Amino acid sequence: MLDAFTTIGIGVITVYPIWRTLTRVGIYPPIALLTFLGFPGLLIAATVLAFGRWPNVEEDAP
């Protein structure tokens, strides 16, 4: 039972900053809700952020 509360707690703490980051770069923000799945969800959200196209950022900045 404690593991469930820990996962939810970490999810709540990490959702807001990831949501804001995804919003600023123009990626679908509800992807941040994947962090409630624990490390795999955080890994998926980070992968989308790292390798996805950022519509709100100028093309190929040096």
Foldseek 3Di string as FASTA:
>chain_A
DVVLVVLVVVLVVQLVVLLVVCVQQVHDSVLSNLSSVPPVSVVVSVCCVVPPHRPNDDPDDD
